[in-house]
C-alpha atoms as a PDB file:
ATOM      1  CA  MET A   1     -13.729 -17.076 -14.973  1.00  0.00           C
ATOM      2  CA  LYS A   2     -13.275 -13.456 -16.064  1.00  0.00           C
ATOM      3  CA  ALA A   3      -9.916 -11.853 -15.349  1.00  0.00           C
ATOM      4  CA  ILE A   4      -7.826  -8.849 -16.271  1.00  0.00           C
ATOM      5  CA  VAL A   5      -4.844 -10.088 -18.292  1.00  0.00           C
ATOM      6  CA  SER A   6      -1.514  -8.389 -18.998  1.00  0.00           C
ATOM      7  CA  GLU A   7       0.494  -9.896 -21.853  1.00  0.00           C
ATOM      8  CA  ARG A   8       3.096  -7.137 -22.312  1.00  0.00           C
ATOM      9  CA  TYR A   9       4.536  -4.167 -20.486  1.00  0.00           C
ATOM     10  CA  GLY A  10       2.783  -0.932 -21.354  1.00  0.00           C
ATOM     11  CA  ARG A  11       0.046   1.389 -20.202  1.00  0.00           C
ATOM     12  CA  ALA A  12      -3.375   0.737 -18.707  1.00  0.00           C
ATOM     13  CA  ASP A  13      -5.019   0.390 -22.118  1.00  0.00           C
ATOM     14  CA  SER A  14      -2.896  -2.706 -22.801  1.00  0.00           C
ATOM     15  CA  LEU A  15      -4.915  -4.662 -20.220  1.00  0.00           C
ATOM     16  CA  THR A  16      -7.774  -6.822 -21.455  1.00  0.00           C
ATOM     17  CA  VAL A  17     -10.676  -8.749 -19.909  1.00  0.00           C
ATOM     18  CA  ARG A  18     -10.557 -12.442 -20.822  1.00  0.00           C
ATOM     19  CA  GLU A  19     -12.046 -15.795 -19.924  1.00  0.00           C
ATOM     20  CA  VAL A  20      -9.323 -17.899 -18.300  1.00  0.00           C
ATOM     21  CA  ALA A  21      -9.173 -21.095 -16.285  1.00  0.00           C
ATOM     22  CA  ILE A  22      -9.906 -20.978 -12.566  1.00  0.00           C
ATOM     23  CA  PRO A  23      -6.564 -21.425 -10.725  1.00  0.00           C
ATOM     24  CA  SER A  24      -5.669 -24.888  -9.502  1.00  0.00           C
ATOM     25  CA  LEU A  25      -4.452 -25.253  -5.916  1.00  0.00           C
ATOM     26  CA  ASP A  26      -1.390 -26.791  -4.358  1.00  0.00           C
ATOM     27  CA  ARG A  27      -1.492 -28.340  -0.888  1.00  0.00           C
ATOM     28  CA  ASN A  28      -0.893 -25.073   0.964  1.00  0.00           C
ATOM     29  CA  GLN A  29      -3.188 -22.808  -0.999  1.00  0.00           C
ATOM     30  CA  VAL A  30      -6.693 -21.418  -0.655  1.00  0.00           C
ATOM     31  CA  LEU A  31      -9.055 -20.620  -3.532  1.00  0.00           C
ATOM     32  CA  VAL A  32     -10.810 -17.316  -2.918  1.00  0.00           C
ATOM     33  CA  LYS A  33     -13.958 -16.187  -4.687  1.00  0.00           C
ATOM     34  CA  VAL A  34     -12.956 -12.565  -5.101  1.00  0.00           C
ATOM     35  CA  HIS A  35     -15.403  -9.864  -4.067  1.00  0.00           C
ATOM     36  CA  ALA A  36     -13.020  -6.910  -4.224  1.00  0.00           C
ATOM     37  CA  SER A  37      -9.432  -5.836  -4.782  1.00  0.00           C
ATOM     38  CA  SER A  38      -7.663  -2.478  -4.888  1.00  0.00           C
ATOM     39  CA  ILE A  39      -4.899  -0.643  -6.706  1.00  0.00           C
ATOM     40  CA  ASN A  40      -1.425  -0.078  -5.299  1.00  0.00           C
ATOM     41  CA  PHE A  41       1.873   1.259  -6.619  1.00  0.00           C
ATOM     42  CA  GLY A  42       2.925  -2.349  -7.241  1.00  0.00           C
ATOM     43  CA  ASN A  43       0.226  -2.597  -9.901  1.00  0.00           C
ATOM     44  CA  LEU A  44       1.965   0.160 -11.855  1.00  0.00           C
ATOM     45  CA  VAL A  45       5.262  -1.700 -11.620  1.00  0.00           C
ATOM     46  CA  LEU A  46       3.624  -4.894 -12.912  1.00  0.00           C
ATOM     47  CA  LEU A  47       1.984  -2.936 -15.716  1.00  0.00           C
ATOM     48  CA  THR A  48       4.916  -0.856 -16.929  1.00  0.00           C
ATOM     49  CA  GLY A  49       7.942  -2.931 -15.919  1.00  0.00           C
ATOM     50  CA  LYS A  50       9.444   0.182 -14.324  1.00  0.00           C
ATOM     51  CA  PRO A  51      11.695   0.826 -12.536  1.00  0.00           C
ATOM     52  CA  LEU A  52      13.706  -1.566 -14.681  1.00  0.00           C
ATOM     53  CA  PRO A  53      15.350  -3.473 -11.787  1.00  0.00           C
ATOM     54  CA  ALA A  54      11.858  -4.711 -10.883  1.00  0.00           C
ATOM     55  CA  ARG A  55      11.871  -6.841 -14.019  1.00  0.00           C
ATOM     56  CA  LEU A  56      14.313  -9.196 -12.326  1.00  0.00           C
ATOM     57  CA  ALA A  57      11.363 -10.284 -10.180  1.00  0.00           C
ATOM     58  CA  PHE A  58       8.433  -9.567 -12.498  1.00  0.00           C
ATOM     59  CA  GLY A  59       9.777 -10.748 -15.872  1.00  0.00           C
ATOM     60  CA  LEU A  60      12.521  -9.333 -18.098  1.00  0.00           C
ATOM     61  CA  LEU A  61      10.686  -9.007 -21.419  1.00  0.00           C
ATOM     62  CA  LYS A  62       7.040  -9.514 -20.490  1.00  0.00           C
ATOM     63  CA  PRO A  63       5.028  -9.810 -17.271  1.00  0.00           C
ATOM     64  CA  LYS A  64       5.689 -13.008 -15.360  1.00  0.00           C
ATOM     65  CA  TYR A  65       2.336 -12.616 -13.604  1.00  0.00           C
ATOM     66  CA  ARG A  66      -0.369 -12.317 -16.253  1.00  0.00           C
ATOM     67  CA  ILE A  67      -3.222 -11.447 -13.883  1.00  0.00           C
ATOM     68  CA  PRO A  68      -2.429  -8.420 -11.694  1.00  0.00           C
ATOM     69  CA  GLY A  69      -4.020  -7.472  -8.397  1.00  0.00           C
ATOM     70  CA  GLY A  70      -2.389  -7.836  -4.968  1.00  0.00           C
ATOM     71  CA  ASP A  71      -5.065  -6.949  -2.427  1.00  0.00           C
ATOM     72  CA  VAL A  72      -7.922  -9.420  -2.130  1.00  0.00           C
ATOM     73  CA  ALA A  73     -11.120  -9.761  -0.121  1.00  0.00           C
ATOM     74  CA  GLY A  74     -13.584 -12.562  -0.647  1.00  0.00           C
ATOM     75  CA  ILE A  75     -14.902 -15.951   0.459  1.00  0.00           C
ATOM     76  CA  VAL A  76     -12.960 -19.211   0.649  1.00  0.00           C
ATOM     77  CA  GLU A  77     -14.186 -21.525  -2.123  1.00  0.00           C
ATOM     78  CA  ALA A  78     -11.753 -24.439  -1.667  1.00  0.00           C
ATOM     79  CA  VAL A  79      -8.676 -25.344   0.405  1.00  0.00           C
ATOM     80  CA  GLY A  80      -5.576 -27.447  -0.178  1.00  0.00           C
ATOM     81  CA  GLU A  81      -5.088 -30.588   1.888  1.00  0.00           C
ATOM     82  CA  ASN A  82      -2.443 -28.988   4.156  1.00  0.00           C
ATOM     83  CA  VAL A  83      -4.447 -25.846   4.921  1.00  0.00           C
ATOM     84  CA  THR A  84      -5.404 -25.610   8.593  1.00  0.00           C
ATOM     85  CA  ARG A  85      -6.325 -21.958   9.255  1.00  0.00           C
ATOM     86  CA  PHE A  86      -9.246 -21.641   6.843  1.00  0.00           C
ATOM     87  CA  GLN A  87     -12.292 -23.555   5.741  1.00  0.00           C
ATOM     88  CA  ILE A  88     -14.815 -23.198   2.946  1.00  0.00           C
ATOM     89  CA  GLY A  89     -17.105 -20.241   3.566  1.00  0.00           C
ATOM     90  CA  ASP A  90     -14.646 -18.128   5.571  1.00  0.00           C
ATOM     91  CA  GLU A  91     -14.575 -14.441   4.733  1.00  0.00           C
ATOM     92  CA  VAL A  92     -10.936 -13.455   4.219  1.00  0.00           C
ATOM     93  CA  PHE A  93      -8.673 -10.641   3.141  1.00  0.00           C
ATOM     94  CA  GLY A  94      -5.013 -10.641   2.217  1.00  0.00           C
ATOM     95  CA  ASP A  95      -2.018  -9.750   0.082  1.00  0.00           C
ATOM     96  CA  LEU A  96      -1.227 -11.892  -2.964  1.00  0.00           C
ATOM     97  CA  SER A  97       2.052 -10.216  -3.899  1.00  0.00           C
ATOM     98  CA  THR A  98       3.953 -13.325  -2.760  1.00  0.00           C
ATOM     99  CA  SER A  99       1.300 -15.725  -4.085  1.00  0.00           C
ATOM    100  CA  GLY A 100       1.612 -14.878  -7.784  1.00  0.00           C
ATOM    101  CA  TRP A 101      -0.747 -11.873  -7.653  1.00  0.00           C
ATOM    102  CA  GLY A 102      -4.046 -12.552  -9.518  1.00  0.00           C
ATOM    103  CA  ALA A 103      -6.731 -10.661  -7.567  1.00  0.00           C
ATOM    104  CA  PHE A 104      -8.118  -8.840 -10.623  1.00  0.00           C
ATOM    105  CA  ALA A 105     -10.213 -11.919 -11.382  1.00  0.00           C
ATOM    106  CA  GLU A 106     -13.304 -13.730 -10.197  1.00  0.00           C
ATOM    107  CA  TYR A 107     -11.178 -16.344  -8.392  1.00  0.00           C
ATOM    108  CA  ALA A 108      -7.646 -16.219  -6.992  1.00  0.00           C
ATOM    109  CA  ALA A 109      -5.301 -18.783  -5.461  1.00  0.00           C
ATOM    110  CA  ALA A 110      -3.472 -17.640  -2.339  1.00  0.00           C
ATOM    111  CA  ASN A 111      -0.921 -19.128   0.008  1.00  0.00           C
ATOM    112  CA  GLU A 112      -2.500 -19.809   3.385  1.00  0.00           C
ATOM    113  CA  THR A 113       0.037 -17.472   4.987  1.00  0.00           C
ATOM    114  CA  SER A 114      -1.063 -14.559   2.753  1.00  0.00           C
ATOM    115  CA  LEU A 115      -4.572 -14.380   4.229  1.00  0.00           C
ATOM    116  CA  ALA A 116      -6.426 -13.586   7.436  1.00  0.00           C
ATOM    117  CA  LEU A 117     -10.076 -13.589   8.431  1.00  0.00           C
ATOM    118  CA  LYS A 118     -11.748 -10.390   7.244  1.00  0.00           C
ATOM    119  CA  PRO A 119     -12.392  -7.705   9.876  1.00  0.00           C
ATOM    120  CA  SER A 120     -15.976  -8.270  10.953  1.00  0.00           C
ATOM    121  CA  ASN A 121     -16.891  -4.576  10.806  1.00  0.00           C
ATOM    122  CA  LEU A 122     -15.768  -4.020   7.200  1.00  0.00           C
ATOM    123  CA  THR A 123     -17.437  -4.702   3.874  1.00  0.00           C
ATOM    124  CA  PHE A 124     -15.454  -6.639   1.285  1.00  0.00           C
ATOM    125  CA  ALA A 125     -14.655  -3.394  -0.537  1.00  0.00           C
ATOM    126  CA  GLU A 126     -13.362  -1.822   2.675  1.00  0.00           C
ATOM    127  CA  ALA A 127     -11.344  -4.927   3.545  1.00  0.00           C
ATOM    128  CA  ALA A 128      -9.720  -4.916   0.102  1.00  0.00           C
ATOM    129  CA  ALA A 129      -8.380  -1.437   0.848  1.00  0.00           C
ATOM    130  CA  VAL A 130      -6.318  -2.664   3.785  1.00  0.00           C
ATOM    131  CA  PRO A 131      -3.673  -5.355   3.112  1.00  0.00           C
ATOM    132  CA  MET A 132      -0.836  -3.792   1.103  1.00  0.00           C
ATOM    133  CA  ALA A 133      -1.332  -0.134   2.046  1.00  0.00           C
ATOM    134  CA  GLY A 134      -2.059  -0.913   5.682  1.00  0.00           C
ATOM    135  CA  ALA A 135       0.911  -3.265   6.033  1.00  0.00           C
ATOM    136  CA  THR A 136       3.204  -0.783   4.283  1.00  0.00           C
ATOM    137  CA  ALA A 137       2.237   1.964   6.710  1.00  0.00           C
ATOM    138  CA  LEU A 138       2.474  -0.382   9.702  1.00  0.00           C
ATOM    139  CA  GLN A 139       5.880  -1.812   8.832  1.00  0.00           C
ATOM    140  CA  ALA A 140       7.356   1.567   7.907  1.00  0.00           C
ATOM    141  CA  ILE A 141       6.148   3.153  11.144  1.00  0.00           C
ATOM    142  CA  ARG A 142       6.728   0.296  13.578  1.00  0.00           C
ATOM    143  CA  ASP A 143       9.753  -1.469  12.108  1.00  0.00           C
ATOM    144  CA  SER A 144      11.720   1.112  10.125  1.00  0.00           C
ATOM    145  CA  GLY A 145      10.663   4.264  11.967  1.00  0.00           C
ATOM    146  CA  GLU A 146      10.453   2.595  15.393  1.00  0.00           C
ATOM    147  CA  LEU A 147       7.889   5.202  16.407  1.00  0.00           C
ATOM    148  CA  ALA A 148       7.120   5.560  20.096  1.00  0.00           C
ATOM    149  CA  ALA A 149       4.895   7.767  22.183  1.00  0.00           C
ATOM    150  CA  GLY A 150       5.831  11.433  22.024  1.00  0.00           C
ATOM    151  CA  MET A 151       7.982  11.220  18.901  1.00  0.00           C
ATOM    152  CA  LYS A 152       7.373  13.853  16.258  1.00  0.00           C
ATOM    153  CA  VAL A 153       6.706  12.526  12.764  1.00  0.00           C
ATOM    154  CA  LEU A 154       6.183  14.290   9.438  1.00  0.00           C
ATOM    155  CA  LEU A 155       4.141  12.442   6.789  1.00  0.00           C
ATOM    156  CA  HIS A 156       4.764  14.005   3.399  1.00  0.00           C
ATOM    157  CA  GLY A 157       2.007  12.812   1.075  1.00  0.00           C
ATOM    158  CA  ALA A 158      -0.534  11.718   3.676  1.00  0.00           C
ATOM    159  CA  SER A 159      -3.756  11.585   1.664  1.00  0.00           C
ATOM    160  CA  GLY A 160      -3.335   8.458  -0.470  1.00  0.00           C
ATOM    161  CA  GLY A 161      -3.773   4.811   0.421  1.00  0.00           C
ATOM    162  CA  VAL A 162      -0.597   4.406   2.476  1.00  0.00           C
ATOM    163  CA  GLY A 163      -0.720   7.956   3.836  1.00  0.00           C
ATOM    164  CA  THR A 164      -4.225   7.715   5.286  1.00  0.00           C
ATOM    165  CA  PHE A 165      -3.261   4.530   7.121  1.00  0.00           C
ATOM    166  CA  ALA A 166       0.057   6.060   8.215  1.00  0.00           C
ATOM    167  CA  ILE A 167      -1.641   8.977   9.989  1.00  0.00           C
ATOM    168  CA  GLN A 168      -3.854   6.620  11.976  1.00  0.00           C
ATOM    169  CA  ILE A 169      -1.193   4.007  12.767  1.00  0.00           C
ATOM    170  CA  ALA A 170       1.286   6.667  13.885  1.00  0.00           C
ATOM    171  CA  LYS A 171      -1.360   7.856  16.339  1.00  0.00           C
ATOM    172  CA  VAL A 172      -1.883   4.261  17.545  1.00  0.00           C
ATOM    173  CA  TYR A 173       1.811   4.309  18.523  1.00  0.00           C
ATOM    174  CA  GLY A 174       1.407   7.649  20.283  1.00  0.00           C
ATOM    175  CA  ALA A 175       3.349   9.887  17.885  1.00  0.00           C
ATOM    176  CA  GLU A 176       2.710  13.583  17.297  1.00  0.00           C
ATOM    177  CA  VAL A 177       1.764  13.676  13.620  1.00  0.00           C
ATOM    178  CA  THR A 178       2.188  16.443  11.088  1.00  0.00           C
ATOM    179  CA  ALA A 179       0.567  15.638   7.736  1.00  0.00           C
ATOM    180  CA  VAL A 180       1.510  17.373   4.487  1.00  0.00           C
ATOM    181  CA  VAL A 181      -1.423  17.384   2.044  1.00  0.00           C
ATOM    182  CA  SER A 182      -3.141  19.549  -0.554  1.00  0.00           C
ATOM    183  CA  THR A 183      -5.908  22.007   0.303  1.00  0.00           C
ATOM    184  CA  ARG A 184      -8.761  19.606  -0.427  1.00  0.00           C
ATOM    185  CA  ASN A 185      -7.294  16.979   1.918  1.00  0.00           C
ATOM    186  CA  THR A 186      -6.617  19.099   4.999  1.00  0.00           C
ATOM    187  CA  GLU A 187      -9.904  18.350   6.744  1.00  0.00           C
ATOM    188  CA  MET A 188      -9.605  14.617   6.028  1.00  0.00           C
ATOM    189  CA  ALA A 189      -6.109  14.561   7.563  1.00  0.00           C
ATOM    190  CA  ARG A 190      -7.405  16.236  10.707  1.00  0.00           C
ATOM    191  CA  THR A 191     -10.349  13.837  10.897  1.00  0.00           C
ATOM    192  CA  LEU A 192      -7.937  10.889  10.735  1.00  0.00           C
ATOM    193  CA  GLY A 193      -6.044  12.237  13.735  1.00  0.00           C
ATOM    194  CA  ALA A 194      -3.232  14.440  12.443  1.00  0.00           C
ATOM    195  CA  ASP A 195      -2.152  16.869  15.165  1.00  0.00           C
ATOM    196  CA  HIS A 196      -0.894  19.411  12.634  1.00  0.00           C
ATOM    197  CA  VAL A 197      -1.605  19.811   8.938  1.00  0.00           C
ATOM    198  CA  ILE A 198       0.529  21.603   6.355  1.00  0.00           C
ATOM    199  CA  ASP A 199      -1.285  22.624   3.182  1.00  0.00           C
ATOM    200  CA  TYR A 200       1.534  22.497   0.637  1.00  0.00           C
ATOM    201  CA  GLN A 201      -0.495  24.655  -1.751  1.00  0.00           C
ATOM    202  CA  LYS A 202      -0.337  27.484   0.784  1.00  0.00           C
ATOM    203  CA  GLU A 203       2.843  26.770   2.738  1.00  0.00           C
ATOM    204  CA  THR A 204       6.073  25.245   1.436  1.00  0.00           C
ATOM    205  CA  ILE A 205       7.841  22.899   3.809  1.00  0.00           C
ATOM    206  CA  GLU A 206      11.147  24.458   2.722  1.00  0.00           C
ATOM    207  CA  LYS A 207      10.198  27.358   5.012  1.00  0.00           C
ATOM    208  CA  HIS A 208       8.865  25.154   7.814  1.00  0.00           C
ATOM    209  CA  ASP A 209      10.749  25.698  11.087  1.00  0.00           C
ATOM    210  CA  GLN A 210       9.873  22.528  13.025  1.00  0.00           C
ATOM    211  CA  THR A 211      12.133  19.472  13.228  1.00  0.00           C
ATOM    212  CA  TYR A 212      11.114  15.833  13.450  1.00  0.00           C
ATOM    213  CA  ASP A 213      12.335  12.503  14.775  1.00  0.00           C
ATOM    214  CA  VAL A 214      11.116  10.694  11.649  1.00  0.00           C
ATOM    215  CA  ILE A 215      10.006  11.881   8.216  1.00  0.00           C
ATOM    216  CA  PHE A 216       8.129   9.522   5.929  1.00  0.00           C
ATOM    217  CA  GLY A 217       8.242  10.415   2.246  1.00  0.00           C
ATOM    218  CA  VAL A 218       4.958   8.825   1.194  1.00  0.00           C
ATOM    219  CA  ASN A 219       4.963  10.000  -2.414  1.00  0.00           C
ATOM    220  CA  GLY A 220       7.209  12.795  -1.222  1.00  0.00           C
ATOM    221  CA  ALA A 221       8.975  14.698  -3.978  1.00  0.00           C
ATOM    222  CA  GLN A 222      11.260  17.060  -2.092  1.00  0.00           C
ATOM    223  CA  PRO A 223      15.058  16.950  -2.417  1.00  0.00           C
ATOM    224  CA  LEU A 224      16.863  15.173   0.421  1.00  0.00           C
ATOM    225  CA  SER A 225      18.377  18.497   1.480  1.00  0.00           C
ATOM    226  CA  THR A 226      14.894  19.753   2.394  1.00  0.00           C
ATOM    227  CA  TYR A 227      14.057  16.669   4.427  1.00  0.00           C
ATOM    228  CA  SER A 228      17.492  16.763   6.049  1.00  0.00           C
ATOM    229  CA  ARG A 229      16.948  20.299   7.295  1.00  0.00           C
ATOM    230  CA  LEU A 230      13.680  19.194   8.934  1.00  0.00           C
ATOM    231  CA  LEU A 231      15.255  16.233  10.740  1.00  0.00           C
ATOM    232  CA  LYS A 232      16.479  16.332  14.314  1.00  0.00           C
ATOM    233  CA  GLU A 233      20.157  15.578  14.843  1.00  0.00           C
ATOM    234  CA  ASN A 234      19.594  11.812  15.144  1.00  0.00           C
ATOM    235  CA  GLY A 235      16.443  11.710  13.008  1.00  0.00           C
ATOM    236  CA  GLN A 236      15.730   9.568  10.013  1.00  0.00           C
ATOM    237  CA  PHE A 237      14.071   9.975   6.632  1.00  0.00           C
ATOM    238  CA  ILE A 238      12.265   6.952   5.163  1.00  0.00           C
ATOM    239  CA  HIS A 239      11.206   6.859   1.523  1.00  0.00           C
ATOM    240  CA  VAL A 240       7.991   4.829   1.426  1.00  0.00           C
ATOM    241  CA  GLY A 241       6.815   5.100  -2.158  1.00  0.00           C
ATOM    242  CA  GLY A 242       6.167   7.267  -5.164  1.00  0.00           C
ATOM    243  CA  GLU A 243       8.541   8.503  -7.823  1.00  0.00           C
ATOM    244  CA  SER A 244      11.527   6.321  -8.755  1.00  0.00           C
ATOM    245  CA  SER A 245      13.797   9.381  -8.779  1.00  0.00           C
ATOM    246  CA  GLN A 246      13.166   9.866  -5.045  1.00  0.00           C
ATOM    247  CA  MET A 247      13.952   6.210  -4.395  1.00  0.00           C
ATOM    248  CA  TYR A 248      17.253   6.349  -6.296  1.00  0.00           C
ATOM    249  CA  GLN A 249      18.185   9.625  -4.577  1.00  0.00           C
ATOM    250  CA  THR A 250      17.560   8.032  -1.194  1.00  0.00           C
ATOM    251  CA  LEU A 251      19.448   4.856  -2.072  1.00  0.00           C
ATOM    252  CA  LEU A 252      22.494   6.631  -3.494  1.00  0.00           C
ATOM    253  CA  LYS A 253      22.865  10.052  -1.892  1.00  0.00           C
ATOM    254  CA  GLY A 254      21.011   8.988   1.245  1.00  0.00           C
ATOM    255  CA  SER A 255      23.335   6.033   1.845  1.00  0.00           C
ATOM    256  CA  TRP A 256      26.358   8.333   1.669  1.00  0.00           C
ATOM    257  CA  LEU A 257      24.756  10.908   3.983  1.00  0.00           C
ATOM    258  CA  SER A 258      23.910   8.151   6.458  1.00  0.00           C
ATOM    259  CA  MET A 259      27.548   7.068   6.593  1.00  0.00           C
ATOM    260  CA  VAL A 260      29.017  10.540   7.153  1.00  0.00           C
ATOM    261  CA  GLY A 261      26.412  11.964   9.543  1.00  0.00           C
ATOM    262  CA  LYS A 262      24.061  11.144  12.390  1.00  0.00           C
ATOM    263  CA  LYS A 263      20.902  11.516  10.331  1.00  0.00           C
ATOM    264  CA  LYS A 264      19.777   8.357   8.553  1.00  0.00           C
ATOM    265  CA  TYR A 265      18.112   7.902   5.151  1.00  0.00           C
ATOM    266  CA  SER A 266      16.552   4.721   3.817  1.00  0.00           C
ATOM    267  CA  THR A 267      13.999   3.437   1.354  1.00  0.00           C
ATOM    268  CA  PHE A 268      11.330   0.977   2.420  1.00  0.00           C
ATOM    269  CA  MET A 269       9.405  -1.794   0.679  1.00  0.00           C
ATOM    270  CA  HIS A 270       6.684  -3.774   2.415  1.00  0.00           C
ATOM    271  CA  ARG A 271       6.766  -7.521   2.928  1.00  0.00           C
ATOM    272  CA  THR A 272       3.793  -9.842   3.197  1.00  0.00           C
ATOM    273  CA  LYS A 273       3.423 -10.925   6.820  1.00  0.00           C
ATOM    274  CA  GLN A 274       0.369 -12.787   8.044  1.00  0.00           C
ATOM    275  CA  GLU A 275       0.885 -11.558  11.603  1.00  0.00           C
ATOM    276  CA  ASP A 276       0.546  -7.982  10.334  1.00  0.00           C
ATOM    277  CA  LEU A 277      -2.804  -8.834   8.775  1.00  0.00           C
ATOM    278  CA  PHE A 278      -3.870 -10.184  12.176  1.00  0.00           C
ATOM    279  CA  PHE A 279      -2.748  -6.952  13.851  1.00  0.00           C
ATOM    280  CA  LEU A 280      -4.493  -4.753  11.283  1.00  0.00           C
ATOM    281  CA  LYS A 281      -7.676  -6.793  11.761  1.00  0.00           C
ATOM    282  CA  GLU A 282      -7.470  -6.231  15.516  1.00  0.00           C
ATOM    283  CA  ILE A 283      -7.011  -2.461  15.389  1.00  0.00           C
ATOM    284  CA  ILE A 284      -9.726  -2.142  12.755  1.00  0.00           C
ATOM    285  CA  GLU A 285     -12.225  -4.128  14.818  1.00  0.00           C
ATOM    286  CA  THR A 286     -11.414  -1.996  17.874  1.00  0.00           C
ATOM    287  CA  GLU A 287     -12.006   1.076  15.673  1.00  0.00           C
ATOM    288  CA  LYS A 288      -8.510   2.508  16.084  1.00  0.00           C
ATOM    289  CA  ILE A 289      -8.084   2.797  12.305  1.00  0.00           C
ATOM    290  CA  ARG A 290     -10.370   2.660   9.282  1.00  0.00           C
ATOM    291  CA  PRO A 291      -9.818   2.488   5.528  1.00  0.00           C
ATOM    292  CA  ILE A 292     -10.594   5.498   3.364  1.00  0.00           C
ATOM    293  CA  ILE A 293     -12.089   4.773  -0.060  1.00  0.00           C
ATOM    294  CA  ASP A 294     -11.999   7.279  -2.877  1.00  0.00           C
ATOM    295  CA  ARG A 295     -13.683   5.460  -5.772  1.00  0.00           C
ATOM    296  CA  GLU A 296     -14.866   2.014  -6.832  1.00  0.00           C
ATOM    297  CA  TYR A 297     -14.568   0.563 -10.324  1.00  0.00           C
ATOM    298  CA  SER A 298     -15.852  -2.677 -11.852  1.00  0.00           C
ATOM    299  CA  LEU A 299     -13.485  -5.420 -13.044  1.00  0.00           C
ATOM    300  CA  GLN A 300     -13.838  -4.451 -16.693  1.00  0.00           C
ATOM    301  CA  ASP A 301     -12.986  -0.849 -15.788  1.00  0.00           C
ATOM    302  CA  VAL A 302      -9.600  -1.676 -14.255  1.00  0.00           C
ATOM    303  CA  PRO A 303      -7.791   0.287 -17.027  1.00  0.00           C
ATOM    304  CA  LYS A 304      -9.824   3.397 -16.133  1.00  0.00           C
ATOM    305  CA  ALA A 305      -9.136   2.831 -12.438  1.00  0.00           C
ATOM    306  CA  ILE A 306      -5.392   2.619 -13.060  1.00  0.00           C
ATOM    307  CA  GLN A 307      -5.448   5.760 -15.193  1.00  0.00           C
ATOM    308  CA  TYR A 308      -7.159   7.588 -12.341  1.00  0.00           C
ATOM    309  CA  PHE A 309      -4.723   6.161  -9.775  1.00  0.00           C
ATOM    310  CA  GLU A 310      -1.742   7.244 -11.879  1.00  0.00           C
ATOM    311  CA  LYS A 311      -2.747  10.882 -11.494  1.00  0.00           C
ATOM    312  CA  GLY A 312      -1.805  10.640  -7.817  1.00  0.00           C
ATOM    313  CA  ARG A 313      -4.823  12.546  -6.544  1.00  0.00           C
ATOM    314  CA  SER A 314      -6.890   9.860  -4.887  1.00  0.00           C
ATOM    315  CA  GLN A 315      -8.113  10.356  -1.336  1.00  0.00           C
ATOM    316  CA  GLY A 316      -7.390   6.961   0.147  1.00  0.00           C
ATOM    317  CA  LYS A 317      -7.858   3.795  -1.863  1.00  0.00           C
ATOM    318  CA  VAL A 318      -9.164   3.008  -5.343  1.00  0.00           C
ATOM    319  CA  ILE A 319     -11.247  -0.196  -5.169  1.00  0.00           C
ATOM    320  CA  ILE A 320     -11.994  -2.825  -7.797  1.00  0.00           C
ATOM    321  CA  SER A 321     -15.399  -4.401  -7.118  1.00  0.00           C
ATOM    322  CA  VAL A 322     -15.452  -7.885  -8.643  1.00  0.00           C
ATOM    323  CA  LEU A 323     -18.589  -9.314  -7.036  1.00  0.00           C
ATOM    324  CA  SER A 324     -21.266  -7.124  -5.435  1.00  0.00           C
END
């Protein structure tokens, strides 16, 4: 099979397309014929080995997982003898970040618990946009943010993969959503359900006079002092992704601020949960949320796709189409 292979930490141009063996299965795994995948922040970590602590999981000197790609959508080709949820021919989608990655290939092996049946109203490309970004938004909003009806939430950086899901999922939970985006993304944010939109190219949030129960820094790059001023007395700031400097600031300074005051600061990383895939499937099929796709690239153009993704300007998800 053809696959994108990473032999060393570096930039996107270090990735190559190679012929490799189709993965073998253990008893609890499913072989998926991959139709589509997508790019997430985790792909940049696998590629560059940064931030450096990530190498404890991904390989100290070179990538532990040679074939990147976390999101997957495709058709079940084979199943291990202990697999009970899926059968050959099922259309599935899922998150391979706990199954050894490997979705940037024509076939991928996945743990049974990393997959769910594909939403019936999505194409494979659309389904591949959902798992990691959708679960990140869901878990941050439901579990960390504990959003409930009537709560006021600020989403800083609401136009990318996680952000576009976060707007919609926050509305599912009944929150009043303010989205911070650039000029070209204001209409999209409103279309997705944002109650208020701040165009950061015209209005700086430093001068914003509203306060919020929860602020999600989805690729947010403001100092904690700015977010702190915008929080209600018992509010919380959650760093969801983006620059490492923001993560370290939240972990270090935020931890101290959380101990000495009523406002709380934390950083969030998603975890693969099959039940969350089931929930995302349900709210997609009932048309409460939908994926937003910016661009699609072929498998051999993964380096170009990553270079585009790195610019941080995508509207929604960047898709890798493996099989049309």
